[in-house]
Amino acid sequence: MASPTPESLVALDQLRLDDARALLDRDSGLALPAAVESPVEYLQRVIDGLCELSLKDPLTGLSNRRHFRSVLDRTTDMVARSGEPALLLMVDIDHFKKVNDTHGHQAGDMVLQVVAQALAKCVRPMDTVARYGGEEFAVVLPNCHAFFGITVAERIRQTIENMQIAINPALSLQVTVSIGGAYAPEWVRSTAALWTERADVQLYRAKHEGRNRVVLDTQQEIFVSAEEKNMLFGHLALGEPAWIESGDGTASAAGQRVN
């Protein structure tokens, strides 16, 4: 590999790094030294810090929606290739608008931060917790069997229900969450959008049925949609019904429930 010519090297003093440095010092907790022995090391630290910030929600410190979508894409691909079960939880704070309207947006921000911390403590290091938007969070749990999924979801719900969130010395709030969850179809080439839609349907059910509850679909009730069927069998173009064998040895047509 040829060595870079002097013309290809960029001096640090030619780069406008003040804004990047200020952003990292303020938001990442990564204190960058004013100077280091190696300009390459310094620049690499700036780049790494900015990349990390680009994947985090600035208020809660959780993964942001960009990172969440990337994780969903990787997980759906893994499930399609390996059949390993994976669960997506959508978590929404109940009556959050009332918190903002009654106590102000600063109190609302504190509630979001405390709930985010609680979520992160309820899951494994291998799981991903993201702020999906507003008062809604998402949790991606790879290698998650049914008995473990309901345990984690209930742990989250109960933990948040039992918390006292200190807004100021004279005021503490209690909030609850509704949780909807969906398993990614195993051995099916699904999409992140379809998986999220299924979890959102379960979240709507949890809200409709009274809030402060968990509603999960089950792996046995997963519906293979027409879009997923086309991704599975469209290239065959046989015009014949496609069949999927279930765990008990029976088979059912794609596009029907797999029991």
Protein backbone atom coordinates (compact mmCIF):
# COMPACT_ATOMS: atom_id res chain seq x y z
CA MET A 1 0.00 0.00 0.00
CA ALA A 2 1.48 3.31 -1.05
CA SER A 3 2.24 5.90 1.59
CA PRO A 4 0.10 9.03 1.50
CA THR A 5 1.66 11.97 -0.24
CA PRO A 6 2.13 15.19 1.72
CA GLU A 7 -0.69 16.74 -0.31
CA SER A 8 -3.14 14.05 0.96
CA LEU A 9 -2.47 14.78 4.62
CA VAL A 10 -4.76 17.23 6.42
CA ALA A 11 -3.48 19.28 9.31
CA LEU A 12 -5.80 19.44 12.31
CA ASP A 13 -5.54 23.21 12.42
CA GLN A 14 -7.17 23.26 8.97
CA LEU A 15 -10.29 21.49 10.27
CA ARG A 16 -13.15 23.32 12.01
CA LEU A 17 -13.46 21.04 15.05
CA ASP A 18 -14.61 23.55 17.67
CA ASP A 19 -18.31 22.75 17.30
CA ALA A 20 -17.68 19.00 17.32
CA ARG A 21 -15.49 19.28 20.38
CA ALA A 22 -18.08 21.41 22.21
CA LEU A 23 -20.81 18.92 21.34
CA LEU A 24 -18.79 15.99 22.64
CA ASP A 25 -17.75 17.79 25.82
CA ARG A 26 -21.37 18.68 26.58
CA ASP A 27 -23.36 15.62 25.50
CA SER A 28 -21.14 12.57 25.56
CA GLY A 29 -19.15 12.94 28.75
CA LEU A 30 -16.06 12.25 26.68
CA ALA A 31 -13.49 14.83 27.65
CA LEU A 32 -11.23 15.39 24.70
CA PRO A 33 -7.77 16.69 25.51
CA ALA A 34 -6.69 19.96 23.99
CA ALA A 35 -3.84 18.15 22.30
CA VAL A 36 -2.57 14.61 22.01
CA GLU A 37 0.69 13.18 20.75
CA SER A 38 -0.92 11.72 17.66
CA PRO A 39 -3.19 13.91 15.48
CA VAL A 40 -4.69 10.70 14.05
CA GLU A 41 -5.62 9.50 17.54
CA TYR A 42 -7.27 12.82 18.34
CA LEU A 43 -9.26 12.88 15.10
CA GLN A 44 -10.32 9.26 15.57
CA ARG A 45 -11.65 10.08 19.04
CA VAL A 46 -13.70 12.93 17.61
CA ILE A 47 -15.12 10.71 14.85
CA ASP A 48 -15.93 7.86 17.26
CA GLY A 49 -17.59 10.26 19.66
CA LEU A 50 -19.74 11.82 16.96
CA CYS A 51 -20.75 8.40 15.66
CA GLU A 52 -21.81 7.38 19.16
CA LEU A 53 -23.85 10.55 19.61
CA SER A 54 -25.57 10.01 16.26
CA LEU A 55 -27.04 6.74 17.58
CA LYS A 56 -28.25 8.06 20.94
CA ASP A 57 -31.33 9.93 22.07
CA PRO A 58 -30.01 13.15 23.64
CA LEU A 59 -32.57 13.27 26.47
CA THR A 60 -32.52 9.69 27.74
CA GLY A 61 -29.17 8.38 26.53
CA LEU A 62 -30.91 5.34 25.01
CA SER A 63 -30.54 4.24 21.42
CA ASN A 64 -32.39 6.53 19.04
CA ARG A 65 -34.78 5.58 16.27
CA ARG A 66 -31.97 5.37 13.70
CA HIS A 67 -30.12 2.77 15.75
CA PHE A 68 -33.37 0.96 16.58
CA ARG A 69 -34.17 0.48 12.89
CA SER A 70 -30.68 -0.84 12.23
CA VAL A 71 -31.02 -3.37 15.06
CA LEU A 72 -34.46 -4.46 13.79
CA ASP A 73 -33.09 -5.06 10.29
CA ARG A 74 -30.24 -7.18 11.64
CA THR A 75 -32.54 -9.12 13.94
CA THR A 76 -35.14 -9.93 11.29
CA ASP A 77 -32.35 -11.19 9.05
CA MET A 78 -30.99 -13.34 11.89
CA VAL A 79 -34.44 -14.82 12.63
CA ALA A 80 -35.00 -15.64 8.97
CA ARG A 81 -31.65 -17.43 8.70
CA SER A 82 -31.51 -19.22 12.06
CA GLY A 83 -35.08 -19.49 13.31
CA GLU A 84 -33.94 -18.06 16.62
CA PRO A 85 -36.93 -16.45 18.42
CA ALA A 86 -36.86 -12.70 18.90
CA LEU A 87 -39.35 -10.39 20.63
CA LEU A 88 -40.10 -6.71 20.04
CA LEU A 89 -41.75 -4.77 22.87
CA MET A 90 -43.35 -1.37 22.40
CA VAL A 91 -43.67 0.49 25.71
CA ASP A 92 -45.82 3.60 26.11
CA ILE A 93 -46.17 5.75 29.25
CA ASP A 94 -49.85 5.98 30.20
CA HIS A 95 -51.46 9.44 30.37
CA PHE A 96 -48.12 11.15 29.75
CA LYS A 97 -49.80 14.26 28.33
CA LYS A 98 -51.41 14.81 31.73
CA VAL A 99 -47.94 14.89 33.32
CA ASN A 100 -46.80 17.62 30.95
CA ASP A 101 -50.04 19.59 31.21
CA THR A 102 -50.16 19.42 35.03
CA HIS A 103 -46.51 19.66 36.04
CA GLY A 104 -44.73 21.10 33.01
CA HIS A 105 -42.39 19.76 30.36
CA GLN A 106 -39.40 19.71 32.70
CA ALA A 107 -41.26 17.23 34.90
CA GLY A 108 -42.15 15.27 31.78
CA ASP A 109 -38.49 15.11 30.79
CA MET A 110 -37.58 13.79 34.24
CA VAL A 111 -40.23 11.08 33.94
CA LEU A 112 -38.85 10.07 30.54
CA GLN A 113 -35.31 9.87 31.91
CA VAL A 114 -36.28 7.78 34.94
CA VAL A 115 -38.40 5.41 32.88
CA ALA A 116 -35.54 5.04 30.39
CA GLN A 117 -33.13 4.12 33.18
CA ALA A 118 -35.60 1.57 34.56
CA LEU A 119 -36.04 -0.03 31.13
CA ALA A 120 -32.30 -0.38 30.65
CA LYS A 121 -31.98 -2.12 34.03
CA CYS A 122 -34.75 -4.63 33.26
CA VAL A 123 -33.11 -6.22 30.24
CA ARG A 124 -29.94 -8.08 29.31
CA PRO A 125 -26.78 -6.42 27.94
CA MET A 126 -27.47 -8.11 24.59
CA ASP A 127 -30.90 -6.44 24.30
CA THR A 128 -31.51 -3.02 22.75
CA VAL A 129 -33.63 -0.33 24.42
CA ALA A 130 -34.51 2.69 22.29
CA ARG A 131 -36.60 5.80 22.56
CA TYR A 132 -39.00 5.33 19.67
CA GLY A 133 -40.52 8.78 19.91
CA GLY A 134 -42.27 11.01 22.44
CA GLU A 135 -43.23 8.86 25.44
CA GLU A 136 -42.87 5.57 23.54
CA PHE A 137 -39.94 3.19 23.87
CA ALA A 138 -38.95 0.01 22.07
CA VAL A 139 -37.09 -3.05 23.33
CA VAL A 140 -35.56 -5.64 21.00
CA LEU A 141 -34.86 -9.00 22.64
CA PRO A 142 -32.99 -11.51 20.46
CA ASN A 143 -32.91 -15.19 21.46
CA CYS A 144 -36.08 -14.68 23.50
CA HIS A 145 -38.42 -17.61 24.10
CA ALA A 146 -42.04 -17.11 25.13
CA PHE A 147 -41.60 -17.79 28.84
CA PHE A 148 -38.73 -15.30 29.03
CA GLY A 149 -40.54 -12.65 27.01
CA ILE A 150 -43.57 -12.41 29.27
CA THR A 151 -41.29 -12.40 32.33
CA VAL A 152 -39.29 -9.44 31.03
CA ALA A 153 -42.37 -7.51 29.95
CA GLU A 154 -44.04 -7.97 33.34
CA ARG A 155 -40.81 -7.06 35.10
CA ILE A 156 -40.76 -3.78 33.17
CA ARG A 157 -44.41 -3.04 33.91
CA GLN A 158 -44.16 -3.78 37.62
CA THR A 159 -40.86 -1.96 38.07
CA ILE A 160 -42.24 1.25 36.60
CA GLU A 161 -45.55 0.96 38.45
CA ASN A 162 -43.70 0.70 41.77
CA MET A 163 -41.38 3.68 41.19
CA GLN A 164 -41.63 7.03 42.93
CA ILE A 165 -40.28 9.68 40.57
CA ALA A 166 -39.05 12.69 42.54
CA ILE A 167 -39.85 15.83 40.55
CA ASN A 168 -38.83 18.16 43.39
CA PRO A 169 -38.44 17.82 47.18
CA ALA A 170 -42.19 18.28 47.65
CA LEU A 171 -43.50 16.25 44.72
CA SER A 172 -43.15 12.64 43.55
CA LEU A 173 -45.07 11.08 40.69
CA GLN A 174 -46.10 7.54 39.86
CA VAL A 175 -46.65 6.46 36.28
CA THR A 176 -47.59 3.23 34.56
CA VAL A 177 -46.84 1.82 31.12
CA SER A 178 -48.72 -0.22 28.58
CA ILE A 179 -46.69 -2.82 26.73
CA GLY A 180 -47.40 -4.57 23.44
CA GLY A 181 -45.13 -7.23 22.04
CA ALA A 182 -44.73 -9.34 18.92
CA TYR A 183 -42.40 -12.17 18.00
CA ALA A 184 -40.66 -12.08 14.67
CA PRO A 185 -41.93 -14.91 12.45
CA GLU A 186 -39.31 -17.66 12.61
CA TRP A 187 -37.74 -18.82 9.35
CA VAL A 188 -39.69 -16.10 7.52
CA ARG A 189 -38.11 -13.26 5.56
CA SER A 190 -40.17 -10.52 7.18
CA THR A 191 -39.42 -6.80 7.46
CA ALA A 192 -38.78 -4.42 10.32
CA ALA A 193 -41.89 -2.43 9.35
CA LEU A 194 -44.18 -5.48 9.51
CA TRP A 195 -42.70 -6.56 12.83
CA THR A 196 -43.17 -3.09 14.33
CA GLU A 197 -46.74 -2.97 13.05
CA ARG A 198 -47.55 -6.25 14.83
CA ALA A 199 -46.12 -4.97 18.10
CA ASP A 200 -48.07 -1.71 17.72
CA VAL A 201 -51.30 -3.69 17.32
CA GLN A 202 -50.63 -5.41 20.66
CA LEU A 203 -49.80 -2.06 22.28
CA TYR A 204 -53.13 -0.70 21.07
CA ARG A 205 -54.85 -3.69 22.67
CA ALA A 206 -53.07 -3.03 25.97
CA LYS A 207 -54.24 0.60 25.88
CA HIS A 208 -57.79 -0.33 24.86
CA GLU A 209 -58.10 -2.97 27.58
CA GLY A 210 -57.32 -0.54 30.39
CA ARG A 211 -53.61 0.38 30.32
CA ASN A 212 -50.91 -0.70 32.80
CA ARG A 213 -50.83 -4.15 31.27
CA VAL A 214 -48.88 -6.40 28.92
CA VAL A 215 -50.33 -7.87 25.75
CA LEU A 216 -48.09 -10.15 23.69
CA ASP A 217 -48.85 -12.22 20.66
CA THR A 218 -47.61 -15.78 20.74
CA GLN A 219 -45.30 -17.55 18.37
CA GLN A 220 -48.10 -20.01 17.56
CA GLU A 221 -50.44 -17.20 16.43
CA ILE A 222 -48.06 -15.40 14.10
CA PHE A 223 -49.71 -14.65 10.77
CA VAL A 224 -47.69 -14.91 7.58
CA SER A 225 -48.79 -11.96 5.50
CA ALA A 226 -49.11 -11.88 1.72
CA GLU A 227 -46.01 -9.67 1.54
CA GLU A 228 -43.97 -12.13 3.60
CA LYS A 229 -45.31 -15.06 1.57
CA ASN A 230 -44.14 -13.33 -1.60
CA MET A 231 -40.68 -12.81 -0.10
CA LEU A 232 -40.59 -16.50 0.80
CA PHE A 233 -42.01 -18.10 -2.34
CA GLY A 234 -42.44 -15.41 -4.99
CA HIS A 235 -39.27 -16.39 -6.82
CA LEU A 236 -40.63 -19.92 -7.37
CA ALA A 237 -43.63 -18.61 -9.37
CA LEU A 238 -45.20 -22.08 -9.43
CA GLY A 239 -48.76 -20.94 -8.99
CA GLU A 240 -49.21 -23.64 -6.37
CA PRO A 241 -50.09 -23.10 -2.70
CA ALA A 242 -46.94 -22.91 -0.60
CA TRP A 243 -46.84 -24.92 2.60
CA ILE A 244 -44.99 -24.32 5.83
CA GLU A 245 -44.28 -27.22 8.16
CA SER A 246 -44.90 -26.47 11.83
CA GLY A 247 -43.11 -27.87 14.84
CA ASP A 248 -45.59 -30.75 15.32
CA GLY A 249 -45.08 -32.05 11.81
CA THR A 250 -48.32 -30.65 10.38
CA ALA A 251 -48.39 -28.21 7.52
CA SER A 252 -50.48 -25.20 6.61
CA ALA A 253 -50.71 -22.94 3.60
CA ALA A 254 -48.59 -19.79 3.69
CA GLY A 255 -50.81 -16.84 4.34
CA GLN A 256 -52.74 -18.78 6.98
CA ARG A 257 -52.01 -19.04 10.69
CA VAL A 258 -49.20 -21.43 11.50
CA ASN A 259 -50.33 -23.54 14.47
